[in-house]
Amino acid sequence: MTHTGFKSVYVTVLGRVQGVGYRSWCASKAERLGLHGWIRNRHDGCVEAVYHGLAGRVDEMVALSEKGPVLAKVTDILASPCDPPESAGFLRRSTY
């Protein structure tokens, strides 16, 4: 969703994204961009996240998520608008 220059997206990242530092890498990048939201591994091998902040920075984070850290191999990323996260800051959540 976009409100006065802000945007929220829910992303699902497919590929080799677990066991390669992907969550920590994304959380660090999101925090540097001043984004709010969360990220977590899923039992099916994907990673899912919510990014919320200034629209341009959210777009930048989605683009960064398509690459990931050196050991990751992203094969696809699905992004769709969503409601803003309920809490401030960027959280690393437990596996779901």
PDB file of N, CA and C in Angstrom:
ATOM      1  N   MET A   1       0.833  -1.190   0.000  1.00  0.00           N
ATOM      2  CA  MET A   1       0.000   0.000   0.000  1.00  0.00           C
ATOM      3  C   MET A   1       0.870   1.244   0.000  1.00  0.00           C
ATOM      4  N   THR A   2       0.411   2.282  -0.628  1.00  0.00           N
ATOM      5  CA  THR A   2       1.149   3.530  -0.671  1.00  0.00           C
ATOM      6  C   THR A   2       0.332   4.620   0.014  1.00  0.00           C
ATOM      7  N   HIS A   3       0.941   5.319   0.957  1.00  0.00           N
ATOM      8  CA  HIS A   3       0.311   6.443   1.643  1.00  0.00           C
ATOM      9  C   HIS A   3       1.320   7.573   1.718  1.00  0.00           C
ATOM     10  N   THR A   4       1.003   8.694   1.124  1.00  0.00           N
ATOM     11  CA  THR A   4       1.851   9.897   1.156  1.00  0.00           C
ATOM     12  C   THR A   4       3.339   9.583   0.998  1.00  0.00           C
ATOM     13  N   GLY A   5       3.664   8.863  -0.067  1.00  0.00           N
ATOM     14  CA  GLY A   5       5.064   8.573  -0.352  1.00  0.00           C
ATOM     15  C   GLY A   5       5.596   7.324   0.316  1.00  0.00           C
ATOM     16  N   PHE A   6       4.770   6.659   1.126  1.00  0.00           N
ATOM     17  CA  PHE A   6       5.190   5.429   1.792  1.00  0.00           C
ATOM     18  C   PHE A   6       4.581   4.234   1.085  1.00  0.00           C
ATOM     19  N   LYS A   7       5.243   3.098   1.240  1.00  0.00           N
ATOM     20  CA  LYS A   7       4.826   1.894   0.532  1.00  0.00           C
ATOM     21  C   LYS A   7       5.125   0.685   1.412  1.00  0.00           C
ATOM     22  N   SER A   8       4.278  -0.325   1.315  1.00  0.00           N
ATOM     23  CA  SER A   8       4.500  -1.595   2.016  1.00  0.00           C
ATOM     24  C   SER A   8       4.377  -2.727   1.015  1.00  0.00           C
ATOM     25  N   VAL A   9       5.329  -3.655   1.034  1.00  0.00           N
ATOM     26  CA  VAL A   9       5.254  -4.825   0.169  1.00  0.00           C
ATOM     27  C   VAL A   9       5.564  -6.089   0.959  1.00  0.00           C
ATOM     28  N   TYR A  10       4.883  -7.155   0.561  1.00  0.00           N
ATOM     29  CA  TYR A  10       5.146  -8.491   1.090  1.00  0.00           C
ATOM     30  C   TYR A  10       5.909  -9.228   0.002  1.00  0.00           C
ATOM     31  N   VAL A  11       7.060  -9.800   0.352  1.00  0.00           N
ATOM     32  CA  VAL A  11       7.859 -10.513  -0.644  1.00  0.00           C
ATOM     33  C   VAL A  11       8.092 -11.959  -0.219  1.00  0.00           C
ATOM     34  N   THR A  12       8.096 -12.827  -1.216  1.00  0.00           N
ATOM     35  CA  THR A  12       8.497 -14.218  -1.030  1.00  0.00           C
ATOM     36  C   THR A  12       9.688 -14.433  -1.948  1.00  0.00           C
ATOM     37  N   VAL A  13      10.770 -14.950  -1.377  1.00  0.00           N
ATOM     38  CA  VAL A  13      12.013 -15.130  -2.132  1.00  0.00           C
ATOM     39  C   VAL A  13      12.291 -16.621  -2.266  1.00  0.00           C
ATOM     40  N   LEU A  14      12.457 -17.064  -3.494  1.00  0.00           N
ATOM     41  CA  LEU A  14      12.692 -18.480  -3.787  1.00  0.00           C
ATOM     42  C   LEU A  14      14.131 -18.686  -4.232  1.00  0.00           C
ATOM     43  N   GLY A  15      14.635 -19.898  -4.005  1.00  0.00           N
ATOM     44  CA  GLY A  15      15.993 -20.231  -4.416  1.00  0.00           C
ATOM     45  C   GLY A  15      16.806 -20.721  -3.230  1.00  0.00           C
ATOM     46  N   ARG A  16      18.125 -20.618  -3.358  1.00  0.00           N
ATOM     47  CA  ARG A  16      18.999 -20.996  -2.241  1.00  0.00           C
ATOM     48  C   ARG A  16      19.146 -19.758  -1.358  1.00  0.00           C
ATOM     49  N   VAL A  17      18.227 -19.613  -0.407  1.00  0.00           N
ATOM     50  CA  VAL A  17      18.189 -18.411   0.427  1.00  0.00           C
ATOM     51  C   VAL A  17      18.188 -18.738   1.917  1.00  0.00           C
ATOM     52  N   GLN A  18      18.354 -20.017   2.256  1.00  0.00           N
ATOM     53  CA  GLN A  18      18.480 -20.389   3.660  1.00  0.00           C
ATOM     54  C   GLN A  18      19.855 -21.016   3.882  1.00  0.00           C
ATOM     55  N   GLY A  19      20.442 -20.717   5.040  1.00  0.00           N
ATOM     56  CA  GLY A  19      21.764 -21.250   5.350  1.00  0.00           C
ATOM     57  C   GLY A  19      22.891 -20.511   4.658  1.00  0.00           C
ATOM     58  N   VAL A  20      22.588 -19.340   4.079  1.00  0.00           N
ATOM     59  CA  VAL A  20      23.602 -18.563   3.357  1.00  0.00           C
ATOM     60  C   VAL A  20      23.695 -17.119   3.872  1.00  0.00           C
ATOM     61  N   GLY A  21      23.056 -16.836   5.016  1.00  0.00           N
ATOM     62  CA  GLY A  21      23.102 -15.494   5.588  1.00  0.00           C
ATOM     63  C   GLY A  21      22.136 -14.510   4.952  1.00  0.00           C
ATOM     64  N   TYR A  22      21.161 -15.023   4.210  1.00  0.00           N
ATOM     65  CA  TYR A  22      20.241 -14.150   3.485  1.00  0.00           C
ATOM     66  C   TYR A  22      19.419 -13.262   4.407  1.00  0.00           C
ATOM     67  N   ARG A  23      18.829 -13.838   5.463  1.00  0.00           N
ATOM     68  CA  ARG A  23      17.989 -13.042   6.368  1.00  0.00           C
ATOM     69  C   ARG A  23      18.771 -11.909   7.027  1.00  0.00           C
ATOM     70  N   SER A  24      19.920 -12.219   7.564  1.00  0.00           N
ATOM     71  CA  SER A  24      20.728 -11.194   8.226  1.00  0.00           C
ATOM     72  C   SER A  24      21.172 -10.121   7.243  1.00  0.00           C
ATOM     73  N   TRP A  25      21.552 -10.536   6.045  1.00  0.00           N
ATOM     74  CA  TRP A  25      21.977  -9.598   5.009  1.00  0.00           C
ATOM     75  C   TRP A  25      20.839  -8.639   4.678  1.00  0.00           C
ATOM     76  N   CYS A  26      19.633  -9.198   4.436  1.00  0.00           N
ATOM     77  CA  CYS A  26      18.474  -8.358   4.108  1.00  0.00           C
ATOM     78  C   CYS A  26      18.111  -7.430   5.266  1.00  0.00           C
ATOM     79  N   ALA A  27      18.120  -7.954   6.480  1.00  0.00           N
ATOM     80  CA  ALA A  27      17.771  -7.130   7.644  1.00  0.00           C
ATOM     81  C   ALA A  27      18.731  -5.958   7.765  1.00  0.00           C
ATOM     82  N   SER A  28      20.014  -6.217   7.550  1.00  0.00           N
ATOM     83  CA  SER A  28      21.012  -5.153   7.625  1.00  0.00           C
ATOM     84  C   SER A  28      20.764  -4.089   6.558  1.00  0.00           C
ATOM     85  N   LYS A  29      20.487  -4.523   5.332  1.00  0.00           N
ATOM     86  CA  LYS A  29      20.210  -3.580   4.237  1.00  0.00           C
ATOM     87  C   LYS A  29      18.934  -2.782   4.527  1.00  0.00           C
ATOM     88  N   ALA A  30      17.890  -3.451   4.995  1.00  0.00           N
ATOM     89  CA  ALA A  30      16.617  -2.781   5.294  1.00  0.00           C
ATOM     90  C   ALA A  30      16.796  -1.738   6.391  1.00  0.00           C
ATOM     91  N   GLU A  31      17.554  -2.084   7.423  1.00  0.00           N
ATOM     92  CA  GLU A  31      17.805  -1.138   8.510  1.00  0.00           C
ATOM     93  C   GLU A  31      18.568   0.078   7.998  1.00  0.00           C
ATOM     94  N   ARG A  32      19.567  -0.141   7.142  1.00  0.00           N
ATOM     95  CA  ARG A  32      20.332   0.979   6.578  1.00  0.00           C
ATOM     96  C   ARG A  32      19.470   1.889   5.719  1.00  0.00           C
ATOM     97  N   LEU A  33      18.446   1.320   5.082  1.00  0.00           N
ATOM     98  CA  LEU A  33      17.533   2.110   4.253  1.00  0.00           C
ATOM     99  C   LEU A  33      16.420   2.760   5.084  1.00  0.00           C
ATOM    100  N   GLY A  34      16.407   2.492   6.386  1.00  0.00           N
ATOM    101  CA  GLY A  34      15.404   3.084   7.267  1.00  0.00           C
ATOM    102  C   GLY A  34      14.030   2.446   7.142  1.00  0.00           C
ATOM    103  N   LEU A  35      13.998   1.183   6.726  1.00  0.00           N
ATOM    104  CA  LEU A  35      12.724   0.498   6.533  1.00  0.00           C
ATOM    105  C   LEU A  35      12.243  -0.174   7.817  1.00  0.00           C
ATOM    106  N   HIS A  36      10.945  -0.363   7.889  1.00  0.00           N
ATOM    107  CA  HIS A  36      10.316  -1.126   8.960  1.00  0.00           C
ATOM    108  C   HIS A  36       9.805  -2.417   8.345  1.00  0.00           C
ATOM    109  N   GLY A  37       9.597  -3.424   9.183  1.00  0.00           N
ATOM    110  CA  GLY A  37       9.052  -4.680   8.703  1.00  0.00           C
ATOM    111  C   GLY A  37       9.678  -5.859   9.393  1.00  0.00           C
ATOM    112  N   TRP A  38       9.733  -6.967   8.679  1.00  0.00           N
ATOM    113  CA  TRP A  38      10.268  -8.208   9.242  1.00  0.00           C
ATOM    114  C   TRP A  38      10.701  -9.149   8.126  1.00  0.00           C
ATOM    115  N   ILE A  39      11.472 -10.174   8.534  1.00  0.00           N
ATOM    116  CA  ILE A  39      11.917 -11.209   7.605  1.00  0.00           C
ATOM    117  C   ILE A  39      12.014 -12.515   8.366  1.00  0.00           C
ATOM    118  N   ARG A  40      11.703 -13.631   7.687  1.00  0.00           N
ATOM    119  CA  ARG A  40      11.826 -14.937   8.330  1.00  0.00           C
ATOM    120  C   ARG A  40      11.966 -16.029   7.284  1.00  0.00           C
ATOM    121  N   ASN A  41      12.585 -17.146   7.703  1.00  0.00           N
ATOM    122  CA  ASN A  41      12.646 -18.348   6.879  1.00  0.00           C
ATOM    123  C   ASN A  41      11.304 -19.060   6.972  1.00  0.00           C
ATOM    124  N   ARG A  42      10.965 -19.790   5.923  1.00  0.00           N
ATOM    125  CA  ARG A  42       9.788 -20.650   5.957  1.00  0.00           C
ATOM    126  C   ARG A  42      10.255 -22.098   5.874  1.00  0.00           C
ATOM    127  N   HIS A  43       9.467 -22.991   6.429  1.00  0.00           N
ATOM    128  CA  HIS A  43       9.827 -24.410   6.411  1.00  0.00           C
ATOM    129  C   HIS A  43       9.939 -24.979   5.009  1.00  0.00           C
ATOM    130  N   ASP A  44       9.306 -24.330   4.028  1.00  0.00           N
ATOM    131  CA  ASP A  44       9.378 -24.832   2.640  1.00  0.00           C
ATOM    132  C   ASP A  44      10.644 -24.400   1.908  1.00  0.00           C
ATOM    133  N   GLY A  45      11.559 -23.705   2.608  1.00  0.00           N
ATOM    134  CA  GLY A  45      12.833 -23.305   2.009  1.00  0.00           C
ATOM    135  C   GLY A  45      12.862 -21.884   1.475  1.00  0.00           C
ATOM    136  N   CYS A  46      11.724 -21.205   1.464  1.00  0.00           N
ATOM    137  CA  CYS A  46      11.661 -19.814   1.009  1.00  0.00           C
ATOM    138  C   CYS A  46      11.984 -18.872   2.164  1.00  0.00           C
ATOM    139  N   VAL A  47      12.128 -17.624   1.817  1.00  0.00           N
ATOM    140  CA  VAL A  47      12.208 -16.546   2.805  1.00  0.00           C
ATOM    141  C   VAL A  47      11.068 -15.596   2.493  1.00  0.00           C
ATOM    142  N   GLU A  48      10.408 -15.084   3.542  1.00  0.00           N
ATOM    143  CA  GLU A  48       9.356 -14.097   3.328  1.00  0.00           C
ATOM    144  C   GLU A  48       9.656 -12.872   4.174  1.00  0.00           C
ATOM    145  N   ALA A  49       9.190 -11.713   3.677  1.00  0.00           N
ATOM    146  CA  ALA A  49       9.481 -10.456   4.361  1.00  0.00           C
ATOM    147  C   ALA A  49       8.404  -9.429   4.053  1.00  0.00           C
ATOM    148  N   VAL A  50       8.334  -8.440   4.914  1.00  0.00           N
ATOM    149  CA  VAL A  50       7.529  -7.247   4.678  1.00  0.00           C
ATOM    150  C   VAL A  50       8.482  -6.065   4.785  1.00  0.00           C
ATOM    151  N   TYR A  51       8.470  -5.220   3.777  1.00  0.00           N
ATOM    152  CA  TYR A  51       9.265  -3.991   3.768  1.00  0.00           C
ATOM    153  C   TYR A  51       8.310  -2.808   3.736  1.00  0.00           C
ATOM    154  N   HIS A  52       8.528  -1.837   4.622  1.00  0.00           N
ATOM    155  CA  HIS A  52       7.686  -0.640   4.667  1.00  0.00           C
ATOM    156  C   HIS A  52       8.570   0.588   4.853  1.00  0.00           C
ATOM    157  N   GLY A  53       8.287   1.623   4.081  1.00  0.00           N
ATOM    158  CA  GLY A  53       9.026   2.872   4.204  1.00  0.00           C
ATOM    159  C   GLY A  53       8.774   3.744   2.992  1.00  0.00           C
ATOM    160  N   LEU A  54       9.674   4.697   2.770  1.00  0.00           N
ATOM    161  CA  LEU A  54       9.564   5.552   1.596  1.00  0.00           C
ATOM    162  C   LEU A  54       9.574   4.680   0.340  1.00  0.00           C
ATOM    163  N   ALA A  55       8.679   4.985  -0.584  1.00  0.00           N
ATOM    164  CA  ALA A  55       8.470   4.132  -1.755  1.00  0.00           C
ATOM    165  C   ALA A  55       9.760   3.815  -2.504  1.00  0.00           C
ATOM    166  N   GLY A  56      10.587   4.809  -2.740  1.00  0.00           N
ATOM    167  CA  GLY A  56      11.835   4.582  -3.466  1.00  0.00           C
ATOM    168  C   GLY A  56      12.777   3.647  -2.739  1.00  0.00           C
ATOM    169  N   ARG A  57      12.801   3.734  -1.424  1.00  0.00           N
ATOM    170  CA  ARG A  57      13.669   2.853  -0.637  1.00  0.00           C
ATOM    171  C   ARG A  57      13.129   1.431  -0.591  1.00  0.00           C
ATOM    172  N   VAL A  58      11.810   1.295  -0.536  1.00  0.00           N
ATOM    173  CA  VAL A  58      11.208  -0.046  -0.594  1.00  0.00           C
ATOM    174  C   VAL A  58      11.532  -0.682  -1.944  1.00  0.00           C
ATOM    175  N   ASP A  59      11.396   0.073  -3.026  1.00  0.00           N
ATOM    176  CA  ASP A  59      11.734  -0.441  -4.359  1.00  0.00           C
ATOM    177  C   ASP A  59      13.196  -0.860  -4.422  1.00  0.00           C
ATOM    178  N   GLU A  60      14.068  -0.056  -3.816  1.00  0.00           N
ATOM    179  CA  GLU A  60      15.495  -0.387  -3.784  1.00  0.00           C
ATOM    180  C   GLU A  60      15.729  -1.692  -3.021  1.00  0.00           C
ATOM    181  N   MET A  61      15.007  -1.882  -1.918  1.00  0.00           N
ATOM    182  CA  MET A  61      15.166  -3.100  -1.115  1.00  0.00           C
ATOM    183  C   MET A  61      14.683  -4.322  -1.873  1.00  0.00           C
ATOM    184  N   VAL A  62      13.593  -4.190  -2.597  1.00  0.00           N
ATOM    185  CA  VAL A  62      13.105  -5.319  -3.400  1.00  0.00           C
ATOM    186  C   VAL A  62      14.160  -5.683  -4.455  1.00  0.00           C
ATOM    187  N   ALA A  63      14.746  -4.678  -5.088  1.00  0.00           N
ATOM    188  CA  ALA A  63      15.799  -4.930  -6.086  1.00  0.00           C
ATOM    189  C   ALA A  63      17.006  -5.613  -5.439  1.00  0.00           C
ATOM    190  N   LEU A  64      17.399  -5.152  -4.255  1.00  0.00           N
ATOM    191  CA  LEU A  64      18.510  -5.788  -3.542  1.00  0.00           C
ATOM    192  C   LEU A  64      18.182  -7.235  -3.188  1.00  0.00           C
ATOM    193  N   SER A  65      16.929  -7.482  -2.816  1.00  0.00           N
ATOM    194  CA  SER A  65      16.493  -8.826  -2.430  1.00  0.00           C
ATOM    195  C   SER A  65      16.581  -9.810  -3.587  1.00  0.00           C
ATOM    196  N   GLU A  66      16.521  -9.314  -4.800  1.00  0.00           N
ATOM    197  CA  GLU A  66      16.640 -10.177  -5.981  1.00  0.00           C
ATOM    198  C   GLU A  66      18.051 -10.729  -6.131  1.00  0.00           C
ATOM    199  N   LYS A  67      19.016 -10.072  -5.532  1.00  0.00           N
ATOM    200  CA  LYS A  67      20.417 -10.506  -5.606  1.00  0.00           C
ATOM    201  C   LYS A  67      20.802 -11.273  -4.351  1.00  0.00           C
ATOM    202  N   GLY A  68      20.664 -10.629  -3.178  1.00  0.00           N
ATOM    203  CA  GLY A  68      21.054 -11.248  -1.919  1.00  0.00           C
ATOM    204  C   GLY A  68      22.550 -11.268  -1.729  1.00  0.00           C
ATOM    205  N   PRO A  69      22.999 -11.917  -0.647  1.00  0.00           N
ATOM    206  CA  PRO A  69      24.437 -12.011  -0.376  1.00  0.00           C
ATOM    207  C   PRO A  69      25.119 -12.950  -1.371  1.00  0.00           C
ATOM    208  N   VAL A  70      26.426 -12.980  -1.335  1.00  0.00           N
ATOM    209  CA  VAL A  70      27.236 -13.718  -2.305  1.00  0.00           C
ATOM    210  C   VAL A  70      26.828 -15.188  -2.445  1.00  0.00           C
ATOM    211  N   LEU A  71      26.578 -15.888  -1.337  1.00  0.00           N
ATOM    212  CA  LEU A  71      26.287 -17.323  -1.409  1.00  0.00           C
ATOM    213  C   LEU A  71      24.847 -17.648  -1.793  1.00  0.00           C
ATOM    214  N   ALA A  72      23.975 -16.662  -1.797  1.00  0.00           N
ATOM    215  CA  ALA A  72      22.575 -16.899  -2.146  1.00  0.00           C
ATOM    216  C   ALA A  72      22.424 -17.054  -3.658  1.00  0.00           C
ATOM    217  N   LYS A  73      21.391 -17.795  -4.043  1.00  0.00           N
ATOM    218  CA  LYS A  73      21.043 -17.905  -5.463  1.00  0.00           C
ATOM    219  C   LYS A  73      19.528 -17.750  -5.563  1.00  0.00           C
ATOM    220  N   VAL A  74      19.089 -16.520  -5.765  1.00  0.00           N
ATOM    221  CA  VAL A  74      17.659 -16.221  -5.862  1.00  0.00           C
ATOM    222  C   VAL A  74      17.180 -16.633  -7.247  1.00  0.00           C
ATOM    223  N   THR A  75      16.133 -17.463  -7.290  1.00  0.00           N
ATOM    224  CA  THR A  75      15.575 -17.897  -8.571  1.00  0.00           C
ATOM    225  C   THR A  75      14.308 -17.130  -8.921  1.00  0.00           C
ATOM    226  N   ASP A  76      13.627 -16.591  -7.912  1.00  0.00           N
ATOM    227  CA  ASP A  76      12.418 -15.807  -8.169  1.00  0.00           C
ATOM    228  C   ASP A  76      12.083 -14.995  -6.927  1.00  0.00           C
ATOM    229  N   ILE A  77      11.419 -13.884  -7.139  1.00  0.00           N
ATOM    230  CA  ILE A  77      10.933 -13.073  -6.033  1.00  0.00           C
ATOM    231  C   ILE A  77       9.533 -12.595  -6.401  1.00  0.00           C
ATOM    232  N   LEU A  78       8.616 -12.780  -5.479  1.00  0.00           N
ATOM    233  CA  LEU A  78       7.229 -12.375  -5.669  1.00  0.00           C
ATOM    234  C   LEU A  78       6.960 -11.233  -4.708  1.00  0.00           C
ATOM    235  N   ALA A  79       6.495 -10.112  -5.216  1.00  0.00           N
ATOM    236  CA  ALA A  79       6.231  -8.944  -4.370  1.00  0.00           C
ATOM    237  C   ALA A  79       4.819  -8.452  -4.628  1.00  0.00           C
ATOM    238  N   SER A  80       4.102  -8.157  -3.546  1.00  0.00           N
ATOM    239  CA  SER A  80       2.742  -7.634  -3.684  1.00  0.00           C
ATOM    240  C   SER A  80       2.483  -6.608  -2.585  1.00  0.00           C
ATOM    241  N   PRO A  81       1.610  -5.637  -2.853  1.00  0.00           N
ATOM    242  CA  PRO A  81       1.280  -4.630  -1.847  1.00  0.00           C
ATOM    243  C   PRO A  81       0.670  -5.288  -0.611  1.00  0.00           C
ATOM    244  N   CYS A  82       0.895  -4.691   0.545  1.00  0.00           N
ATOM    245  CA  CYS A  82       0.332  -5.208   1.786  1.00  0.00           C
ATOM    246  C   CYS A  82       0.121  -4.062   2.770  1.00  0.00           C
ATOM    247  N   ASP A  83      -0.479  -4.369   3.897  1.00  0.00           N
ATOM    248  CA  ASP A  83      -0.647  -3.381   4.954  1.00  0.00           C
ATOM    249  C   ASP A  83       0.696  -3.145   5.632  1.00  0.00           C
ATOM    250  N   PRO A  84       0.907  -1.955   6.209  1.00  0.00           N
ATOM    251  CA  PRO A  84       2.150  -1.690   6.932  1.00  0.00           C
ATOM    252  C   PRO A  84       2.286  -2.632   8.135  1.00  0.00           C
ATOM    253  N   PRO A  85       3.520  -2.910   8.562  1.00  0.00           N
ATOM    254  CA  PRO A  85       3.711  -3.767   9.740  1.00  0.00           C
ATOM    255  C   PRO A  85       3.137  -3.086  10.986  1.00  0.00           C
ATOM    256  N   GLU A  86       2.791  -3.894  11.969  1.00  0.00           N
ATOM    257  CA  GLU A  86       2.184  -3.376  13.189  1.00  0.00           C
ATOM    258  C   GLU A  86       3.197  -2.720  14.127  1.00  0.00           C
ATOM    259  N   SER A  87       4.469  -3.087  14.016  1.00  0.00           N
ATOM    260  CA  SER A  87       5.472  -2.519  14.922  1.00  0.00           C
ATOM    261  C   SER A  87       6.569  -1.804  14.143  1.00  0.00           C
ATOM    262  N   ALA A  88       7.213  -0.871  14.817  1.00  0.00           N
ATOM    263  CA  ALA A  88       8.311  -0.113  14.207  1.00  0.00           C
ATOM    264  C   ALA A  88       9.594  -0.936  14.255  1.00  0.00           C
ATOM    265  N   GLY A  89      10.552  -0.559  13.436  1.00  0.00           N
ATOM    266  CA  GLY A  89      11.822  -1.258  13.389  1.00  0.00           C
ATOM    267  C   GLY A  89      11.783  -2.405  12.397  1.00  0.00           C
ATOM    268  N   PHE A  90      12.889  -3.120  12.306  1.00  0.00           N
ATOM    269  CA  PHE A  90      12.964  -4.257  11.401  1.00  0.00           C
ATOM    270  C   PHE A  90      13.317  -5.495  12.211  1.00  0.00           C
ATOM    271  N   LEU A  91      12.462  -6.511  12.172  1.00  0.00           N
ATOM    272  CA  LEU A  91      12.583  -7.687  13.012  1.00  0.00           C
ATOM    273  C   LEU A  91      13.018  -8.917  12.222  1.00  0.00           C
ATOM    274  N   ARG A  92      13.825  -9.734  12.863  1.00  0.00           N
ATOM    275  CA  ARG A  92      14.153 -11.068  12.328  1.00  0.00           C
ATOM    276  C   ARG A  92      13.239 -12.025  13.084  1.00  0.00           C
ATOM    277  N   ARG A  93      12.275 -12.589  12.396  1.00  0.00           N
ATOM    278  CA  ARG A  93      11.311 -13.492  13.034  1.00  0.00           C
ATOM    279  C   ARG A  93      11.769 -14.939  12.951  1.00  0.00           C
ATOM    280  N   SER A  94      11.181 -15.758  13.825  1.00  0.00           N
ATOM    281  CA  SER A  94      11.471 -17.198  13.832  1.00  0.00           C
ATOM    282  C   SER A  94      10.891 -17.847  12.594  1.00  0.00           C
ATOM    283  N   THR A  95      11.457 -18.992  12.239  1.00  0.00           N
ATOM    284  CA  THR A  95      10.996 -19.763  11.078  1.00  0.00           C
ATOM    285  C   THR A  95       9.521 -20.093  11.213  1.00  0.00           C
ATOM    286  N   TYR A  96       8.830 -19.999  10.090  1.00  0.00           N
ATOM    287  CA  TYR A  96       7.392 -20.280  10.061  1.00  0.00           C
ATOM    288  C   TYR A  96       7.110 -21.454   9.168  1.00  0.00           C
TER     289      TYR A  96
END
